[in-house]
Amino acid sequence: MTQNDLEIIITGCLVSFCCSIPGCFLILRRMAMIGDAISHAVLPGIVIAYLLAGGTRDSVFMLTGAAVLGLVTTFMIETFHRKVRIQEDAAIGITFTTLFALGVILVSAFAGNVDLDQECILYGEIALSPFERLYTGAGTDLGPLSFWTMGTVLLIILVFIISGYKELFLTTFDPAYAAVLGLSVLTWHYLLMGFVSLATVAAFKSVGAILVVAFLVAPAATAHLLTDSFPRMLLYSCIAGMIACIGGYMLAVWINGSVAGGMATFCGIIFVLAYLFSPSQGILTRKLRSSKIEHSN
């Protein structure tokens, strides 16, 4: 395995960690589709931040623009659902398709001549991450820029999760009790959506807006099938994402296909295996256990 291969896999693992940790909260809150909506709807924020920053693709501006649009997306969905009283799935569909289409129009109209095109945003290409390096003023190579971008975002997410673990836990599992204790359920909801937005836009360049949904949902859903303990769920989701990155890269090399697509595909493969063979919830495992009970009786 070459250094480039290792750097690609590590980048994929960092992307999966950044997405799967907040993804666990989305799964338990039954908000997986909101993660999908945010991953598409933040596109106008990225383009607007790019334009306001004078054409620079600085990560700080991109992350800020995405976080703002993530909150706007969540606010619009909540408003349509609670105030206009349309079904939540309809509110999600209307919001993310409108904002994503607006973002595509902005890209094609104002950013068509730079490396901010529809194909990059939709699909990404993690295989190119080793070629964009970070250097010191003295010219020392500090490694791929994606390491530092995704590593910084992961650190920010971990600080947020650890410092607000009690509040996030209560508002996720028992929002009514959290409200009785004086916690603002809506505030923590918007905070979580903001960090989902950060993870999403940070992963854009590596895996794109479409494939990032796999990393937001599949590892967390896999972990949910494997354990009833929330701390273990967080850990298992990271492990599932790491396995998907390694296996997906090997799959992509084998078929000479998209690395990001291979990793996302492997996320689905791991979920199916957990669905079939999970010790407590696996379909085949439960059938085998039932047949043993019947034979014993």
C-alpha atoms as a PDB file:
ATOM      1  CA  MET A   1       0.000   0.000   0.000  1.00  0.00           C
ATOM      2  CA  THR A   2       1.465   3.359  -1.046  1.00  0.00           C
ATOM      3  CA  GLN A   3       1.460   6.589   0.939  1.00  0.00           C
ATOM      4  CA  ASN A   4      -1.266   7.994  -1.317  1.00  0.00           C
ATOM      5  CA  ASP A   5      -3.453   4.956  -0.628  1.00  0.00           C
ATOM      6  CA  LEU A   6      -3.022   5.396   3.110  1.00  0.00           C
ATOM      7  CA  GLU A   7      -3.757   9.133   2.946  1.00  0.00           C
ATOM      8  CA  ILE A   8      -6.953   8.501   0.974  1.00  0.00           C
ATOM      9  CA  ILE A   9      -8.157   5.922   3.502  1.00  0.00           C
ATOM     10  CA  ILE A  10      -7.332   8.182   6.463  1.00  0.00           C
ATOM     11  CA  THR A  11      -9.198  11.061   4.808  1.00  0.00           C
ATOM     12  CA  GLY A  12     -12.202   8.794   4.312  1.00  0.00           C
ATOM     13  CA  CYS A  13     -12.068   7.716   7.947  1.00  0.00           C
ATOM     14  CA  LEU A  14     -11.995  11.349   9.123  1.00  0.00           C
ATOM     15  CA  VAL A  15     -14.990  12.119   6.890  1.00  0.00           C
ATOM     16  CA  SER A  16     -16.903   9.122   8.242  1.00  0.00           C
ATOM     17  CA  PHE A  17     -16.117  10.047  11.873  1.00  0.00           C
ATOM     18  CA  CYS A  18     -17.305  13.635  11.331  1.00  0.00           C
ATOM     19  CA  CYS A  19     -20.557  12.400   9.791  1.00  0.00           C
ATOM     20  CA  SER A  20     -21.351   9.248  11.779  1.00  0.00           C
ATOM     21  CA  ILE A  21     -21.098  10.831  15.255  1.00  0.00           C
ATOM     22  CA  PRO A  22     -23.819  13.466  14.694  1.00  0.00           C
ATOM     23  CA  GLY A  23     -25.553  10.884  12.498  1.00  0.00           C
ATOM     24  CA  CYS A  24     -26.255   8.802  15.612  1.00  0.00           C
ATOM     25  CA  PHE A  25     -28.327  11.657  17.019  1.00  0.00           C
ATOM     26  CA  LEU A  26     -30.162  12.049  13.705  1.00  0.00           C
ATOM     27  CA  ILE A  27     -31.053   8.349  13.632  1.00  0.00           C
ATOM     28  CA  LEU A  28     -32.347   8.327  17.212  1.00  0.00           C
ATOM     29  CA  ARG A  29     -34.305  11.543  16.653  1.00  0.00           C
ATOM     30  CA  ARG A  30     -35.801   9.995  13.491  1.00  0.00           C
ATOM     31  CA  MET A  31     -34.336  12.865  11.487  1.00  0.00           C
ATOM     32  CA  ALA A  32     -32.207  11.003   8.950  1.00  0.00           C
ATOM     33  CA  MET A  33     -33.950  12.723   6.039  1.00  0.00           C
ATOM     34  CA  ILE A  34     -33.228  16.119   7.565  1.00  0.00           C
ATOM     35  CA  GLY A  35     -29.553  15.220   7.345  1.00  0.00           C
ATOM     36  CA  ASP A  36     -30.138  14.463   3.670  1.00  0.00           C
ATOM     37  CA  ALA A  37     -31.895  17.800   3.241  1.00  0.00           C
ATOM     38  CA  ILE A  38     -29.097  19.738   4.907  1.00  0.00           C
ATOM     39  CA  SER A  39     -26.404  17.989   2.861  1.00  0.00           C
ATOM     40  CA  HIS A  40     -28.086  19.312  -0.299  1.00  0.00           C
ATOM     41  CA  ALA A  41     -29.519  22.611   0.912  1.00  0.00           C
ATOM     42  CA  VAL A  42     -26.224  24.060   2.198  1.00  0.00           C
ATOM     43  CA  LEU A  43     -25.014  24.443  -1.396  1.00  0.00           C
ATOM     44  CA  PRO A  44     -26.338  28.042  -1.749  1.00  0.00           C
ATOM     45  CA  GLY A  45     -24.513  28.941   1.465  1.00  0.00           C
ATOM     46  CA  ILE A  46     -21.237  27.677   0.040  1.00  0.00           C
ATOM     47  CA  VAL A  47     -21.660  29.653  -3.177  1.00  0.00           C
ATOM     48  CA  ILE A  48     -22.789  32.838  -1.409  1.00  0.00           C
ATOM     49  CA  ALA A  49     -19.832  32.587   0.989  1.00  0.00           C
ATOM     50  CA  TYR A  50     -17.541  32.094  -2.008  1.00  0.00           C
ATOM     51  CA  LEU A  51     -18.927  35.221  -3.692  1.00  0.00           C
ATOM     52  CA  LEU A  52     -18.873  37.388  -0.554  1.00  0.00           C
ATOM     53  CA  ALA A  53     -15.285  36.339   0.161  1.00  0.00           C
ATOM     54  CA  GLY A  54     -14.200  37.675  -3.212  1.00  0.00           C
ATOM     55  CA  GLY A  55     -13.802  34.356  -4.953  1.00  0.00           C
ATOM     56  CA  THR A  56     -11.708  32.579  -2.342  1.00  0.00           C
ATOM     57  CA  ARG A  57     -12.390  28.968  -1.384  1.00  0.00           C
ATOM     58  CA  ASP A  58     -11.117  29.436   2.155  1.00  0.00           C
ATOM     59  CA  SER A  59     -12.541  26.681   4.374  1.00  0.00           C
ATOM     60  CA  VAL A  60     -13.598  29.116   7.114  1.00  0.00           C
ATOM     61  CA  PHE A  61     -15.899  31.017   4.760  1.00  0.00           C
ATOM     62  CA  MET A  62     -17.272  27.788   3.307  1.00  0.00           C
ATOM     63  CA  LEU A  63     -17.991  26.290   6.723  1.00  0.00           C
ATOM     64  CA  THR A  64     -19.632  29.497   7.925  1.00  0.00           C
ATOM     65  CA  GLY A  65     -21.851  29.737   4.857  1.00  0.00           C
ATOM     66  CA  ALA A  66     -22.863  26.094   5.148  1.00  0.00           C
ATOM     67  CA  ALA A  67     -23.628  26.371   8.871  1.00  0.00           C
ATOM     68  CA  VAL A  68     -25.863  29.391   8.277  1.00  0.00           C
ATOM     69  CA  LEU A  69     -27.767  27.674   5.455  1.00  0.00           C
ATOM     70  CA  GLY A  70     -28.050  24.517   7.560  1.00  0.00           C
ATOM     71  CA  LEU A  71     -29.812  26.503  10.253  1.00  0.00           C
ATOM     72  CA  VAL A  72     -31.966  28.265   7.656  1.00  0.00           C
ATOM     73  CA  THR A  73     -32.930  24.872   6.217  1.00  0.00           C
ATOM     74  CA  THR A  74     -33.881  23.517   9.640  1.00  0.00           C
ATOM     75  CA  PHE A  75     -35.847  26.677  10.457  1.00  0.00           C
ATOM     76  CA  MET A  76     -37.740  26.494   7.156  1.00  0.00           C
ATOM     77  CA  ILE A  77     -38.607  22.819   7.666  1.00  0.00           C
ATOM     78  CA  GLU A  78     -39.793  23.449  11.226  1.00  0.00           C
ATOM     79  CA  THR A  79     -41.814  26.489  10.105  1.00  0.00           C
ATOM     80  CA  PHE A  80     -43.511  24.669   7.232  1.00  0.00           C
ATOM     81  CA  HIS A  81     -44.248  21.676   9.472  1.00  0.00           C
ATOM     82  CA  ARG A  82     -45.443  23.459  12.607  1.00  0.00           C
ATOM     83  CA  LYS A  83     -46.837  26.770  11.333  1.00  0.00           C
ATOM     84  CA  VAL A  84     -48.094  25.917   7.857  1.00  0.00           C
ATOM     85  CA  ARG A  85     -49.039  22.433   9.129  1.00  0.00           C
ATOM     86  CA  ILE A  86     -47.877  20.378   6.192  1.00  0.00           C
ATOM     87  CA  GLN A  87     -46.392  16.919   6.728  1.00  0.00           C
ATOM     88  CA  GLU A  88     -42.744  16.839   7.751  1.00  0.00           C
ATOM     89  CA  ASP A  89     -41.624  14.754   4.766  1.00  0.00           C
ATOM     90  CA  ALA A  90     -43.318  17.238   2.421  1.00  0.00           C
ATOM     91  CA  ALA A  91     -41.650  20.154   4.245  1.00  0.00           C
ATOM     92  CA  ILE A  92     -38.264  18.462   3.875  1.00  0.00           C
ATOM     93  CA  GLY A  93     -38.820  17.760   0.181  1.00  0.00           C
ATOM     94  CA  ILE A  94     -39.934  21.299  -0.624  1.00  0.00           C
ATOM     95  CA  THR A  95     -37.112  22.928   1.331  1.00  0.00           C
ATOM     96  CA  PHE A  96     -34.109  20.927   0.207  1.00  0.00           C
ATOM     97  CA  THR A  97     -35.088  20.660  -3.470  1.00  0.00           C
ATOM     98  CA  THR A  98     -35.683  24.417  -3.682  1.00  0.00           C
ATOM     99  CA  LEU A  99     -32.455  25.383  -1.918  1.00  0.00           C
ATOM    100  CA  PHE A 100     -30.360  22.789  -3.741  1.00  0.00           C
ATOM    101  CA  ALA A 101     -31.718  23.915  -7.123  1.00  0.00           C
ATOM    102  CA  LEU A 102     -30.947  27.513  -6.155  1.00  0.00           C
ATOM    103  CA  GLY A 103     -27.394  26.465  -5.314  1.00  0.00           C
ATOM    104  CA  VAL A 104     -26.944  24.719  -8.675  1.00  0.00           C
ATOM    105  CA  ILE A 105     -28.157  27.875 -10.441  1.00  0.00           C
ATOM    106  CA  LEU A 106     -25.723  30.026  -8.443  1.00  0.00           C
ATOM    107  CA  VAL A 107     -22.830  27.683  -9.240  1.00  0.00           C
ATOM    108  CA  SER A 108     -23.565  27.639 -12.953  1.00  0.00           C
ATOM    109  CA  ALA A 109     -24.135  31.406 -13.094  1.00  0.00           C
ATOM    110  CA  PHE A 110     -21.348  32.771 -10.901  1.00  0.00           C
ATOM    111  CA  ALA A 111     -18.789  30.020 -10.295  1.00  0.00           C
ATOM    112  CA  GLY A 112     -18.646  28.168 -13.578  1.00  0.00           C
ATOM    113  CA  ASN A 113     -15.018  29.049 -14.330  1.00  0.00           C
ATOM    114  CA  VAL A 114     -13.460  27.900 -11.063  1.00  0.00           C
ATOM    115  CA  ASP A 115     -13.041  24.585  -9.270  1.00  0.00           C
ATOM    116  CA  LEU A 116     -16.487  24.778  -7.726  1.00  0.00           C
ATOM    117  CA  ASP A 117     -18.627  22.889 -10.221  1.00  0.00           C
ATOM    118  CA  GLN A 118     -21.710  20.738 -10.007  1.00  0.00           C
ATOM    119  CA  GLU A 119     -19.879  17.434 -10.510  1.00  0.00           C
ATOM    120  CA  CYS A 120     -17.399  18.145  -7.701  1.00  0.00           C
ATOM    121  CA  ILE A 121     -20.184  19.159  -5.338  1.00  0.00           C
ATOM    122  CA  LEU A 122     -22.445  16.242  -6.211  1.00  0.00           C
ATOM    123  CA  TYR A 123     -19.914  13.419  -6.257  1.00  0.00           C
ATOM    124  CA  GLY A 124     -16.569  14.685  -4.964  1.00  0.00           C
ATOM    125  CA  GLU A 125     -13.346  12.784  -5.513  1.00  0.00           C
ATOM    126  CA  ILE A 126     -11.476  11.673  -2.456  1.00  0.00           C
ATOM    127  CA  ALA A 127      -8.736  10.110  -4.603  1.00  0.00           C
ATOM    128  CA  LEU A 128      -7.420  13.619  -5.319  1.00  0.00           C
ATOM    129  CA  SER A 129      -7.051  14.578  -1.647  1.00  0.00           C
ATOM    130  CA  PRO A 130      -3.337  13.582  -1.355  1.00  0.00           C
ATOM    131  CA  PHE A 131      -2.427  16.075  -4.081  1.00  0.00           C
ATOM    132  CA  GLU A 132      -3.631  19.196  -2.238  1.00  0.00           C
ATOM    133  CA  ARG A 133      -1.000  19.671   0.449  1.00  0.00           C
ATOM    134  CA  LEU A 134      -0.557  22.059   3.367  1.00  0.00           C
ATOM    135  CA  TYR A 135       2.856  23.712   3.642  1.00  0.00           C
ATOM    136  CA  THR A 136       4.454  25.899   6.289  1.00  0.00           C
ATOM    137  CA  GLY A 137       6.050  29.219   5.445  1.00  0.00           C
ATOM    138  CA  ALA A 138       9.403  27.425   5.248  1.00  0.00           C
ATOM    139  CA  GLY A 139       8.019  24.950   2.724  1.00  0.00           C
ATOM    140  CA  THR A 140       7.619  21.985   5.083  1.00  0.00           C
ATOM    141  CA  ASP A 141       4.973  19.523   3.911  1.00  0.00           C
ATOM    142  CA  LEU A 142       2.403  19.013   6.680  1.00  0.00           C
ATOM    143  CA  GLY A 143       0.366  16.479   4.734  1.00  0.00           C
ATOM    144  CA  PRO A 144      -2.910  16.655   2.783  1.00  0.00           C
ATOM    145  CA  LEU A 145      -5.042  19.720   3.433  1.00  0.00           C
ATOM    146  CA  SER A 146      -8.027  17.406   3.934  1.00  0.00           C
ATOM    147  CA  PHE A 147      -6.314  15.940   7.029  1.00  0.00           C
ATOM    148  CA  TRP A 148      -6.256  19.322   8.698  1.00  0.00           C
ATOM    149  CA  THR A 149      -9.722  20.377   7.520  1.00  0.00           C
ATOM    150  CA  MET A 150     -11.509  17.193   8.540  1.00  0.00           C
ATOM    151  CA  GLY A 151      -9.361  16.800  11.669  1.00  0.00           C
ATOM    152  CA  THR A 152     -10.276  20.307  12.830  1.00  0.00           C
ATOM    153  CA  VAL A 153     -13.975  19.744  12.164  1.00  0.00           C
ATOM    154  CA  LEU A 154     -13.829  16.404  13.986  1.00  0.00           C
ATOM    155  CA  LEU A 155     -12.200  18.082  16.994  1.00  0.00           C
ATOM    156  CA  ILE A 156     -14.889  20.791  17.030  1.00  0.00           C
ATOM    157  CA  ILE A 157     -17.652  18.161  16.852  1.00  0.00           C
ATOM    158  CA  LEU A 158     -16.083  16.103  19.655  1.00  0.00           C
ATOM    159  CA  VAL A 159     -15.797  19.184  21.890  1.00  0.00           C
ATOM    160  CA  PHE A 160     -19.454  20.002  21.217  1.00  0.00           C
ATOM    161  CA  ILE A 161     -20.633  16.412  21.863  1.00  0.00           C
ATOM    162  CA  ILE A 162     -18.577  15.996  25.052  1.00  0.00           C
ATOM    163  CA  SER A 163     -19.418  19.400  26.536  1.00  0.00           C
ATOM    164  CA  GLY A 164     -23.120  19.130  25.705  1.00  0.00           C
ATOM    165  CA  TYR A 165     -23.522  15.361  26.070  1.00  0.00           C
ATOM    166  CA  LYS A 166     -26.069  15.518  28.907  1.00  0.00           C
ATOM    167  CA  GLU A 167     -28.229  18.081  27.116  1.00  0.00           C
ATOM    168  CA  LEU A 168     -28.035  16.280  23.776  1.00  0.00           C
ATOM    169  CA  PHE A 169     -28.800  12.949  25.445  1.00  0.00           C
ATOM    170  CA  LEU A 170     -31.877  14.276  27.264  1.00  0.00           C
ATOM    171  CA  THR A 171     -33.279  16.235  24.316  1.00  0.00           C
ATOM    172  CA  THR A 172     -32.798  13.183  22.094  1.00  0.00           C
ATOM    173  CA  PHE A 173     -34.305  10.473  24.298  1.00  0.00           C
ATOM    174  CA  ASP A 174     -36.848  12.438  26.372  1.00  0.00           C
ATOM    175  CA  PRO A 175     -37.443  15.981  25.099  1.00  0.00           C
ATOM    176  CA  ALA A 176     -40.472  16.465  27.375  1.00  0.00           C
ATOM    177  CA  TYR A 177     -38.415  15.699  30.482  1.00  0.00           C
ATOM    178  CA  ALA A 178     -35.618  17.926  29.171  1.00  0.00           C
ATOM    179  CA  ALA A 179     -38.093  20.788  28.823  1.00  0.00           C
ATOM    180  CA  VAL A 180     -39.271  20.217  32.406  1.00  0.00           C
ATOM    181  CA  LEU A 181     -35.665  20.531  33.552  1.00  0.00           C
ATOM    182  CA  GLY A 182     -35.472  23.904  31.846  1.00  0.00           C
ATOM    183  CA  LEU A 183     -33.484  22.880  28.771  1.00  0.00           C
ATOM    184  CA  SER A 184     -34.333  24.581  25.494  1.00  0.00           C
ATOM    185  CA  VAL A 185     -35.064  21.624  23.231  1.00  0.00           C
ATOM    186  CA  LEU A 186     -35.287  23.850  20.158  1.00  0.00           C
ATOM    187  CA  THR A 187     -31.935  25.516  20.883  1.00  0.00           C
ATOM    188  CA  TRP A 188     -30.149  22.178  21.135  1.00  0.00           C
ATOM    189  CA  HIS A 189     -31.948  21.018  18.012  1.00  0.00           C
ATOM    190  CA  TYR A 190     -30.586  23.986  16.053  1.00  0.00           C
ATOM    191  CA  LEU A 191     -27.111  23.553  17.538  1.00  0.00           C
ATOM    192  CA  LEU A 192     -27.036  19.936  16.405  1.00  0.00           C
ATOM    193  CA  MET A 193     -28.197  20.919  12.911  1.00  0.00           C
ATOM    194  CA  GLY A 194     -25.457  23.529  12.747  1.00  0.00           C
ATOM    195  CA  PHE A 195     -22.798  20.926  13.468  1.00  0.00           C
ATOM    196  CA  VAL A 196     -24.357  18.546  10.948  1.00  0.00           C
ATOM    197  CA  SER A 197     -23.962  21.371   8.440  1.00  0.00           C
ATOM    198  CA  LEU A 198     -20.303  21.805   9.355  1.00  0.00           C
ATOM    199  CA  ALA A 199     -19.621  18.098   8.884  1.00  0.00           C
ATOM    200  CA  THR A 200     -21.492  18.099   5.592  1.00  0.00           C
ATOM    201  CA  VAL A 201     -19.660  20.954   3.911  1.00  0.00           C
ATOM    202  CA  ALA A 202     -16.291  19.787   5.225  1.00  0.00           C
ATOM    203  CA  ALA A 203     -16.949  16.456   3.499  1.00  0.00           C
ATOM    204  CA  PHE A 204     -18.151  18.050   0.235  1.00  0.00           C
ATOM    205  CA  LYS A 205     -14.802  18.125  -1.504  1.00  0.00           C
ATOM    206  CA  SER A 206     -14.029  14.522  -0.600  1.00  0.00           C
ATOM    207  CA  VAL A 207     -17.317  12.699  -1.130  1.00  0.00           C
ATOM    208  CA  GLY A 208     -19.808  15.258  -2.469  1.00  0.00           C
ATOM    209  CA  ALA A 209     -23.315  16.214  -1.390  1.00  0.00           C
ATOM    210  CA  ILE A 210     -24.991  12.975  -2.419  1.00  0.00           C
ATOM    211  CA  LEU A 211     -22.536  10.440  -1.043  1.00  0.00           C
ATOM    212  CA  VAL A 212     -22.089  12.263   2.264  1.00  0.00           C
ATOM    213  CA  VAL A 213     -25.610  11.125   3.159  1.00  0.00           C
ATOM    214  CA  ALA A 214     -24.343   7.540   3.270  1.00  0.00           C
ATOM    215  CA  PHE A 215     -21.770   8.512   5.888  1.00  0.00           C
ATOM    216  CA  LEU A 216     -24.361  10.457   7.885  1.00  0.00           C
ATOM    217  CA  VAL A 217     -26.891   7.617   8.006  1.00  0.00           C
ATOM    218  CA  ALA A 218     -25.478   4.152   7.272  1.00  0.00           C
ATOM    219  CA  PRO A 219     -22.758   3.801   9.994  1.00  0.00           C
ATOM    220  CA  ALA A 220     -25.117   5.164  12.657  1.00  0.00           C
ATOM    221  CA  ALA A 221     -27.972   2.908  11.500  1.00  0.00           C
ATOM    222  CA  THR A 222     -25.593  -0.070  11.532  1.00  0.00           C
ATOM    223  CA  ALA A 223     -24.476   0.734  15.073  1.00  0.00           C
ATOM    224  CA  HIS A 224     -28.110   1.091  16.148  1.00  0.00           C
ATOM    225  CA  LEU A 225     -28.696  -2.519  15.079  1.00  0.00           C
ATOM    226  CA  LEU A 226     -25.697  -3.748  17.059  1.00  0.00           C
ATOM    227  CA  THR A 227     -26.245  -2.176  20.483  1.00  0.00           C
ATOM    228  CA  ASP A 228     -28.796  -0.525  22.767  1.00  0.00           C
ATOM    229  CA  SER A 229     -26.107   1.480  24.578  1.00  0.00           C
ATOM    230  CA  PHE A 230     -25.733   5.002  23.222  1.00  0.00           C
ATOM    231  CA  PRO A 231     -21.996   5.412  24.029  1.00  0.00           C
ATOM    232  CA  ARG A 232     -21.347   2.086  22.300  1.00  0.00           C
ATOM    233  CA  MET A 233     -23.481   3.229  19.396  1.00  0.00           C
ATOM    234  CA  LEU A 234     -21.212   6.238  18.920  1.00  0.00           C
ATOM    235  CA  LEU A 235     -18.152   3.982  19.019  1.00  0.00           C
ATOM    236  CA  TYR A 236     -19.600   1.304  16.740  1.00  0.00           C
ATOM    237  CA  SER A 237     -20.669   3.884  14.178  1.00  0.00           C
ATOM    238  CA  CYS A 238     -17.076   5.123  13.943  1.00  0.00           C
ATOM    239  CA  ILE A 239     -15.796   1.549  13.597  1.00  0.00           C
ATOM    240  CA  ALA A 240     -18.388   0.802  10.896  1.00  0.00           C
ATOM    241  CA  GLY A 241     -17.376   3.936   9.026  1.00  0.00           C
ATOM    242  CA  MET A 242     -13.690   3.025   9.245  1.00  0.00           C
ATOM    243  CA  ILE A 243     -14.339  -0.500   7.928  1.00  0.00           C
ATOM    244  CA  ALA A 244     -16.422   0.976   5.102  1.00  0.00           C
ATOM    245  CA  CYS A 245     -13.578   3.310   4.125  1.00  0.00           C
ATOM    246  CA  ILE A 246     -10.997   0.517   4.014  1.00  0.00           C
ATOM    247  CA  GLY A 247     -13.283  -1.957   2.266  1.00  0.00           C
ATOM    248  CA  GLY A 248     -14.696   0.682  -0.075  1.00  0.00           C
ATOM    249  CA  TYR A 249     -11.241   1.782  -1.162  1.00  0.00           C
ATOM    250  CA  MET A 250     -10.248  -1.804  -1.917  1.00  0.00           C
ATOM    251  CA  LEU A 251     -13.486  -2.259  -3.865  1.00  0.00           C
ATOM    252  CA  ALA A 252     -12.856   0.909  -5.895  1.00  0.00           C
ATOM    253  CA  VAL A 253      -9.301  -0.164  -6.712  1.00  0.00           C
ATOM    254  CA  TRP A 254     -10.525  -3.621  -7.707  1.00  0.00           C
ATOM    255  CA  ILE A 255     -13.170  -2.338 -10.140  1.00  0.00           C
ATOM    256  CA  ASN A 256     -11.258   0.857 -11.051  1.00  0.00           C
ATOM    257  CA  GLY A 257     -14.221   2.968  -9.990  1.00  0.00           C
ATOM    258  CA  SER A 258     -15.041   5.967  -7.795  1.00  0.00           C
ATOM    259  CA  VAL A 259     -13.384   5.758  -4.391  1.00  0.00           C
ATOM    260  CA  ALA A 260     -16.102   7.810  -2.686  1.00  0.00           C
ATOM    261  CA  GLY A 261     -18.745   5.660  -4.364  1.00  0.00           C
ATOM    262  CA  GLY A 262     -16.975   2.493  -3.231  1.00  0.00           C
ATOM    263  CA  MET A 263     -16.876   3.697   0.364  1.00  0.00           C
ATOM    264  CA  ALA A 264     -20.545   4.663   0.331  1.00  0.00           C
ATOM    265  CA  THR A 265     -21.444   1.310  -1.241  1.00  0.00           C
ATOM    266  CA  PHE A 266     -19.533  -0.519   1.463  1.00  0.00           C
ATOM    267  CA  CYS A 267     -21.503   1.460   4.072  1.00  0.00           C
ATOM    268  CA  GLY A 268     -24.628  -0.150   2.650  1.00  0.00           C
ATOM    269  CA  ILE A 269     -23.027  -3.597   2.582  1.00  0.00           C
ATOM    270  CA  ILE A 270     -22.092  -3.357   6.256  1.00  0.00           C
ATOM    271  CA  PHE A 271     -25.618  -2.246   7.147  1.00  0.00           C
ATOM    272  CA  VAL A 272     -27.126  -5.226   5.315  1.00  0.00           C
ATOM    273  CA  LEU A 273     -24.777  -7.589   7.166  1.00  0.00           C
ATOM    274  CA  ALA A 274     -25.798  -6.042  10.493  1.00  0.00           C
ATOM    275  CA  TYR A 275     -29.454  -6.284   9.471  1.00  0.00           C
ATOM    276  CA  LEU A 276     -29.030  -9.993   8.801  1.00  0.00           C
ATOM    277  CA  PHE A 277     -26.596 -11.062  11.523  1.00  0.00           C
ATOM    278  CA  SER A 278     -26.901  -8.589  14.418  1.00  0.00           C
ATOM    279  CA  PRO A 279     -26.771 -10.607  17.687  1.00  0.00           C
ATOM    280  CA  SER A 280     -29.934  -8.993  19.038  1.00  0.00           C
ATOM    281  CA  GLN A 281     -31.853  -7.669  16.013  1.00  0.00           C
ATOM    282  CA  GLY A 282     -30.532  -9.582  13.010  1.00  0.00           C
ATOM    283  CA  ILE A 283     -33.233 -11.239  10.939  1.00  0.00           C
ATOM    284  CA  LEU A 284     -31.337 -14.498  10.393  1.00  0.00           C
ATOM    285  CA  THR A 285     -30.052 -14.525  13.971  1.00  0.00           C
ATOM    286  CA  ARG A 286     -33.563 -14.248  15.390  1.00  0.00           C
ATOM    287  CA  LYS A 287     -34.843 -16.980  13.085  1.00  0.00           C
ATOM    288  CA  LEU A 288     -32.000 -19.262  14.131  1.00  0.00           C
ATOM    289  CA  ARG A 289     -32.688 -18.529  17.793  1.00  0.00           C
ATOM    290  CA  SER A 290     -36.408 -19.235  17.332  1.00  0.00           C
ATOM    291  CA  SER A 291     -35.728 -22.534  15.594  1.00  0.00           C
ATOM    292  CA  LYS A 292     -33.423 -23.601  18.429  1.00  0.00           C
ATOM    293  CA  ILE A 293     -36.125 -22.804  20.984  1.00  0.00           C
ATOM    294  CA  GLU A 294     -38.689 -24.807  19.014  1.00  0.00           C
ATOM    295  CA  HIS A 295     -36.355 -27.813  18.788  1.00  0.00           C
ATOM    296  CA  SER A 296     -35.611 -27.661  22.498  1.00  0.00           C
ATOM    297  CA  ASN A 297     -39.300 -27.688  23.287  1.00  0.00           C
END
